[in-house]
PDB file of all heavy atoms in Angstrom:
ATOM      1  N   GLY A   1      40.868   0.181   3.826  1.00  0.00           N
ATOM      2  CA  GLY A   1      40.300  -0.964   3.127  1.00  0.00           C
ATOM      3  C   GLY A   1      39.117  -1.556   3.886  1.00  0.00           C
ATOM      4  O   GLY A   1      38.086  -1.895   3.298  1.00  0.00           O
ATOM      5  N   SER A   2      39.254  -1.656   5.196  1.00  0.00           N
ATOM      6  CA  SER A   2      38.164  -2.176   6.019  1.00  0.00           C
ATOM      7  C   SER A   2      36.942  -1.262   5.968  1.00  0.00           C
ATOM      8  O   SER A   2      35.797  -1.718   5.875  1.00  0.00           O
ATOM      9  CB  SER A   2      38.626  -2.338   7.473  1.00  0.00           C
ATOM     10  OG  SER A   2      39.660  -3.300   7.560  1.00  0.00           O
ATOM     11  N   ALA A   3      37.221   0.053   6.025  1.00  0.00           N
ATOM     12  CA  ALA A   3      36.124   1.016   5.957  1.00  0.00           C
ATOM     13  C   ALA A   3      35.397   0.924   4.624  1.00  0.00           C
ATOM     14  O   ALA A   3      34.154   1.007   4.565  1.00  0.00           O
ATOM     15  CB  ALA A   3      36.660   2.434   6.176  1.00  0.00           C
ATOM     16  N   GLN A   4      36.138   0.754   3.530  1.00  0.00           N
ATOM     17  CA  GLN A   4      35.517   0.634   2.212  1.00  0.00           C
ATOM     18  C   GLN A   4      34.650  -0.622   2.116  1.00  0.00           C
ATOM     19  O   GLN A   4      33.564  -0.588   1.543  1.00  0.00           O
ATOM     20  CB  GLN A   4      36.594   0.622   1.123  1.00  0.00           C
ATOM     21  CG  GLN A   4      37.231   1.988   0.875  1.00  0.00           C
ATOM     22  CD  GLN A   4      38.355   1.914  -0.137  1.00  0.00           C
ATOM     23  OE1 GLN A   4      39.337   1.195   0.059  1.00  0.00           O
ATOM     24  NE2 GLN A   4      38.211   2.648  -1.224  1.00  0.00           N
ATOM     25  N   ASP A   5      35.156  -1.725   2.697  1.00  0.00           N
ATOM     26  CA  ASP A   5      34.384  -2.970   2.665  1.00  0.00           C
ATOM     27  C   ASP A   5      33.077  -2.818   3.445  1.00  0.00           C
ATOM     28  O   ASP A   5      32.014  -3.260   2.992  1.00  0.00           O
ATOM     29  CB  ASP A   5      35.211  -4.117   3.258  1.00  0.00           C
ATOM     30  CG  ASP A   5      36.371  -4.521   2.357  1.00  0.00           C
ATOM     31  OD1 ASP A   5      36.335  -4.178   1.166  1.00  0.00           O
ATOM     32  OD2 ASP A   5      37.308  -5.175   2.862  1.00  0.00           O
ATOM     33  N   GLU A   6      33.147  -2.205   4.629  1.00  0.00           N
ATOM     34  CA  GLU A   6      31.951  -2.020   5.443  1.00  0.00           C
ATOM     35  C   GLU A   6      30.960  -1.079   4.755  1.00  0.00           C
ATOM     36  O   GLU A   6      29.737  -1.290   4.805  1.00  0.00           O
ATOM     37  CB  GLU A   6      32.330  -1.466   6.819  1.00  0.00           C
ATOM     38  CG  GLU A   6      33.086  -2.468   7.686  1.00  0.00           C
ATOM     39  CD  GLU A   6      33.409  -1.912   9.056  1.00  0.00           C
ATOM     40  OE1 GLU A   6      32.851  -0.842   9.403  1.00  0.00           O
ATOM     41  OE2 GLU A   6      34.200  -2.531   9.772  1.00  0.00           O
ATOM     42  N   LEU A   7      31.493  -0.043   4.096  1.00  0.00           N
ATOM     43  CA  LEU A   7      30.619   0.886   3.383  1.00  0.00           C
ATOM     44  C   LEU A   7      29.934   0.191   2.210  1.00  0.00           C
ATOM     45  O   LEU A   7      28.750   0.429   1.944  1.00  0.00           O
ATOM     46  CB  LEU A   7      31.433   2.081   2.896  1.00  0.00           C
ATOM     47  CG  LEU A   7      30.665   3.189   2.172  1.00  0.00           C
ATOM     48  CD1 LEU A   7      29.540   3.733   3.047  1.00  0.00           C
ATOM     49  CD2 LEU A   7      31.616   4.319   1.785  1.00  0.00           C
ATOM     50  N   ALA A   8      30.662  -0.670   1.513  1.00  0.00           N
ATOM     51  CA  ALA A   8      30.075  -1.409   0.396  1.00  0.00           C
ATOM     52  C   ALA A   8      28.935  -2.308   0.889  1.00  0.00           C
ATOM     53  O   ALA A   8      27.888  -2.423   0.238  1.00  0.00           O
ATOM     54  CB  ALA A   8      31.140  -2.239  -0.311  1.00  0.00           C
ATOM     55  N   GLU A   9      29.126  -2.942   2.052  1.00  0.00           N
ATOM     56  CA  GLU A   9      28.067  -3.787   2.614  1.00  0.00           C
ATOM     57  C   GLU A   9      26.853  -2.948   3.001  1.00  0.00           C
ATOM     58  O   GLU A   9      25.703  -3.362   2.794  1.00  0.00           O
ATOM     59  CB  GLU A   9      28.596  -4.545   3.832  1.00  0.00           C
ATOM     60  CG  GLU A   9      29.609  -5.636   3.489  1.00  0.00           C
ATOM     61  CD  GLU A   9      30.066  -6.389   4.721  1.00  0.00           C
ATOM     62  OE1 GLU A   9      29.459  -6.202   5.793  1.00  0.00           O
ATOM     63  OE2 GLU A   9      31.020  -7.174   4.607  1.00  0.00           O
ATOM     64  N   ALA A  10      27.107  -1.773   3.569  1.00  0.00           N
ATOM     65  CA  ALA A  10      26.006  -0.892   3.955  1.00  0.00           C
ATOM     66  C   ALA A  10      25.205  -0.449   2.731  1.00  0.00           C
ATOM     67  O   ALA A  10      23.969  -0.393   2.761  1.00  0.00           O
ATOM     68  CB  ALA A  10      26.539   0.326   4.707  1.00  0.00           C
ATOM     69  N   LEU A  11      25.897  -0.137   1.639  1.00  0.00           N
ATOM     70  CA  LEU A  11      25.219   0.258   0.409  1.00  0.00           C
ATOM     71  C   LEU A  11      24.371  -0.881  -0.148  1.00  0.00           C
ATOM     72  O   LEU A  11      23.239  -0.672  -0.607  1.00  0.00           O
ATOM     73  CB  LEU A  11      26.245   0.699  -0.634  1.00  0.00           C
ATOM     74  CG  LEU A  11      26.595   2.191  -0.675  1.00  0.00           C
ATOM     75  CD1 LEU A  11      27.794   2.428  -1.580  1.00  0.00           C
ATOM     76  CD2 LEU A  11      25.400   3.011  -1.129  1.00  0.00           C
ATOM     77  N   THR A  12      24.919  -2.086  -0.097  1.00  0.00           N
ATOM     78  CA  THR A  12      24.172  -3.253  -0.577  1.00  0.00           C
ATOM     79  C   THR A  12      22.903  -3.455   0.235  1.00  0.00           C
ATOM     80  O   THR A  12      21.812  -3.698  -0.310  1.00  0.00           O
ATOM     81  CB  THR A  12      25.043  -4.509  -0.513  1.00  0.00           C
ATOM     82  OG1 THR A  12      26.181  -4.346  -1.373  1.00  0.00           O
ATOM     83  CG2 THR A  12      24.254  -5.739  -0.958  1.00  0.00           C
ATOM     84  N   GLU A  13      23.014  -3.358   1.566  1.00  0.00           N
ATOM     85  CA  GLU A  13      21.858  -3.529   2.430  1.00  0.00           C
ATOM     86  C   GLU A  13      20.808  -2.445   2.171  1.00  0.00           C
ATOM     87  O   GLU A  13      19.601  -2.719   2.157  1.00  0.00           O
ATOM     88  CB  GLU A  13      22.286  -3.508   3.894  1.00  0.00           C
ATOM     89  CG  GLU A  13      23.102  -4.731   4.304  1.00  0.00           C
ATOM     90  CD  GLU A  13      23.607  -4.637   5.727  1.00  0.00           C
ATOM     91  OE1 GLU A  13      23.328  -3.615   6.404  1.00  0.00           O
ATOM     92  OE2 GLU A  13      24.288  -5.575   6.179  1.00  0.00           O
ATOM     93  N   LEU A  14      21.272  -1.206   1.960  1.00  0.00           N
ATOM     94  CA  LEU A  14      20.336  -0.114   1.709  1.00  0.00           C
ATOM     95  C   LEU A  14      19.624  -0.305   0.374  1.00  0.00           C
ATOM     96  O   LEU A  14      18.416  -0.071   0.261  1.00  0.00           O
ATOM     97  CB  LEU A  14      21.093   1.220   1.720  1.00  0.00           C
ATOM     98  CG  LEU A  14      20.244   2.481   1.578  1.00  0.00           C
ATOM     99  CD1 LEU A  14      19.242   2.597   2.726  1.00  0.00           C
ATOM    100  CD2 LEU A  14      21.137   3.727   1.549  1.00  0.00           C
ATOM    101  N   ARG A  15      20.359  -0.736  -0.645  1.00  0.00           N
ATOM    102  CA  ARG A  15      19.739  -0.986  -1.949  1.00  0.00           C
ATOM    103  C   ARG A  15      18.726  -2.121  -1.862  1.00  0.00           C
ATOM    104  O   ARG A  15      17.650  -2.059  -2.454  1.00  0.00           O
ATOM    105  CB  ARG A  15      20.817  -1.297  -2.982  1.00  0.00           C
ATOM    106  CG  ARG A  15      21.581  -0.059  -3.441  1.00  0.00           C
ATOM    107  CD  ARG A  15      22.755  -0.409  -4.306  1.00  0.00           C
ATOM    108  NE  ARG A  15      23.483   0.778  -4.741  1.00  0.00           N
ATOM    109  CZ  ARG A  15      24.800   0.830  -4.900  1.00  0.00           C
ATOM    110  NH1 ARG A  15      25.536  -0.235  -4.643  1.00  0.00           N
ATOM    111  NH2 ARG A  15      25.378   1.951  -5.294  1.00  0.00           N
ATOM    112  N   ASP A  16      19.074  -3.175  -1.115  1.00  0.00           N
ATOM    113  CA  ASP A  16      18.138  -4.288  -0.947  1.00  0.00           C
ATOM    114  C   ASP A  16      16.870  -3.820  -0.251  1.00  0.00           C
ATOM    115  O   ASP A  16      15.760  -4.238  -0.596  1.00  0.00           O
ATOM    116  CB  ASP A  16      18.783  -5.416  -0.136  1.00  0.00           C
ATOM    117  CG  ASP A  16      19.842  -6.170  -0.934  1.00  0.00           C
ATOM    118  OD1 ASP A  16      19.860  -6.036  -2.172  1.00  0.00           O
ATOM    119  OD2 ASP A  16      20.642  -6.902  -0.318  1.00  0.00           O
ATOM    120  N   LEU A  17      17.033  -2.955   0.747  1.00  0.00           N
ATOM    121  CA  LEU A  17      15.866  -2.419   1.452  1.00  0.00           C
ATOM    122  C   LEU A  17      14.997  -1.611   0.504  1.00  0.00           C
ATOM    123  O   LEU A  17      13.771  -1.781   0.457  1.00  0.00           O
ATOM    124  CB  LEU A  17      16.321  -1.544   2.622  1.00  0.00           C
ATOM    125  CG  LEU A  17      15.221  -0.769   3.363  1.00  0.00           C
ATOM    126  CD1 LEU A  17      14.214  -1.729   3.974  1.00  0.00           C
ATOM    127  CD2 LEU A  17      15.827   0.125   4.436  1.00  0.00           C
ATOM    128  N   ALA A  18      15.620  -0.733  -0.263  1.00  0.00           N
ATOM    129  CA  ALA A  18      14.863   0.098  -1.200  1.00  0.00           C
ATOM    130  C   ALA A  18      14.182  -0.757  -2.258  1.00  0.00           C
ATOM    131  O   ALA A  18      13.030  -0.513  -2.625  1.00  0.00           O
ATOM    132  CB  ALA A  18      15.790   1.119  -1.863  1.00  0.00           C
ATOM    133  N   HIS A  19      14.872  -1.807  -2.730  1.00  0.00           N
ATOM    134  CA  HIS A  19      14.286  -2.672  -3.743  1.00  0.00           C
ATOM    135  C   HIS A  19      13.111  -3.457  -3.173  1.00  0.00           C
ATOM    136  O   HIS A  19      12.148  -3.749  -3.881  1.00  0.00           O
ATOM    137  CB  HIS A  19      15.341  -3.634  -4.295  1.00  0.00           C
ATOM    138  CG  HIS A  19      16.402  -2.938  -5.077  1.00  0.00           C
ATOM    139  ND1 HIS A  19      17.500  -3.600  -5.601  1.00  0.00           N
ATOM    140  CD2 HIS A  19      16.556  -1.635  -5.425  1.00  0.00           C
ATOM    141  CE1 HIS A  19      18.279  -2.728  -6.236  1.00  0.00           C
ATOM    142  NE2 HIS A  19      17.718  -1.533  -6.142  1.00  0.00           N
ATOM    143  N   GLY A  20      13.181  -3.808  -1.899  1.00  0.00           N
ATOM    144  CA  GLY A  20      12.081  -4.502  -1.268  1.00  0.00           C
ATOM    145  C   GLY A  20      10.852  -3.631  -1.156  1.00  0.00           C
ATOM    146  O   GLY A  20       9.713  -4.117  -1.191  1.00  0.00           O
ATOM    147  N   LEU A  21      11.064  -2.316  -1.016  1.00  0.00           N
ATOM    148  CA  LEU A  21       9.931  -1.402  -0.938  1.00  0.00           C
ATOM    149  C   LEU A  21       9.258  -1.231  -2.297  1.00  0.00           C
ATOM    150  O   LEU A  21       8.044  -1.153  -2.392  1.00  0.00           O
ATOM    151  CB  LEU A  21      10.407  -0.031  -0.439  1.00  0.00           C
ATOM    152  CG  LEU A  21      10.920   0.009   1.000  1.00  0.00           C
ATOM    153  CD1 LEU A  21      11.602   1.349   1.271  1.00  0.00           C
ATOM    154  CD2 LEU A  21       9.780  -0.213   1.983  1.00  0.00           C
ATOM    155  N   HIS A  22      10.069  -1.198  -3.318  1.00  0.00           N
ATOM    156  CA  HIS A  22       9.537  -1.007  -4.668  1.00  0.00           C
ATOM    157  C   HIS A  22      10.584  -1.566  -5.629  1.00  0.00           C
ATOM    158  O   HIS A  22      11.669  -0.983  -5.751  1.00  0.00           O
ATOM    159  CB  HIS A  22       9.307   0.474  -4.938  1.00  0.00           C
ATOM    160  CG  HIS A  22       8.537   0.737  -6.183  1.00  0.00           C
ATOM    161  ND1 HIS A  22       7.187   0.948  -6.189  1.00  0.00           N
ATOM    162  CD2 HIS A  22       8.928   0.798  -7.476  1.00  0.00           C
ATOM    163  CE1 HIS A  22       6.776   1.161  -7.429  1.00  0.00           C
ATOM    164  NE2 HIS A  22       7.808   1.071  -8.217  1.00  0.00           N
ATOM    165  N   PRO A  23      10.330  -2.676  -6.277  1.00  0.00           N
ATOM    166  CA  PRO A  23      11.368  -3.356  -7.064  1.00  0.00           C
ATOM    167  C   PRO A  23      12.023  -2.448  -8.096  1.00  0.00           C
ATOM    168  O   PRO A  23      11.343  -1.864  -8.941  1.00  0.00           O
ATOM    169  CB  PRO A  23      10.600  -4.500  -7.733  1.00  0.00           C
ATOM    170  CG  PRO A  23       9.403  -4.704  -6.875  1.00  0.00           C
ATOM    171  CD  PRO A  23       9.040  -3.351  -6.328  1.00  0.00           C
ATOM    172  N   ALA A  24      13.333  -2.350  -8.037  1.00  0.00           N
ATOM    173  CA  ALA A  24      14.051  -1.492  -8.978  1.00  0.00           C
ATOM    174  C   ALA A  24      13.881  -1.981 -10.413  1.00  0.00           C
ATOM    175  O   ALA A  24      13.796  -1.176 -11.346  1.00  0.00           O
ATOM    176  CB  ALA A  24      15.535  -1.448  -8.608  1.00  0.00           C
ATOM    177  N   THR A  25      13.832  -3.300 -10.600  1.00  0.00           N
ATOM    178  CA  THR A  25      13.659  -3.847 -11.949  1.00  0.00           C
ATOM    179  C   THR A  25      12.336  -3.396 -12.551  1.00  0.00           C
ATOM    180  O   THR A  25      12.249  -3.104 -13.747  1.00  0.00           O
ATOM    181  CB  THR A  25      13.713  -5.383 -11.913  1.00  0.00           C
ATOM    182  OG1 THR A  25      14.954  -5.795 -11.343  1.00  0.00           O
ATOM    183  CG2 THR A  25      13.589  -5.965 -13.308  1.00  0.00           C
ATOM    184  N   LEU A  26      11.306  -3.315 -11.714  1.00  0.00           N
ATOM    185  CA  LEU A  26      10.001  -2.860 -12.199  1.00  0.00           C
ATOM    186  C   LEU A  26      10.079  -1.408 -12.635  1.00  0.00           C
ATOM    187  O   LEU A  26       9.580  -1.034 -13.709  1.00  0.00           O
ATOM    188  CB  LEU A  26       8.956  -3.029 -11.101  1.00  0.00           C
ATOM    189  CG  LEU A  26       7.525  -2.615 -11.442  1.00  0.00           C
ATOM    190  CD1 LEU A  26       6.984  -3.451 -12.587  1.00  0.00           C
ATOM    191  CD2 LEU A  26       6.624  -2.736 -10.222  1.00  0.00           C
TER     192      LEU A  26
END
């Protein structure tokens, strides 16, 4: 459960980084 939570946070951070480079909504 802890590993899943940490992985979910890592995915969120990576998506935020990618969106900052080029907005996904755009």
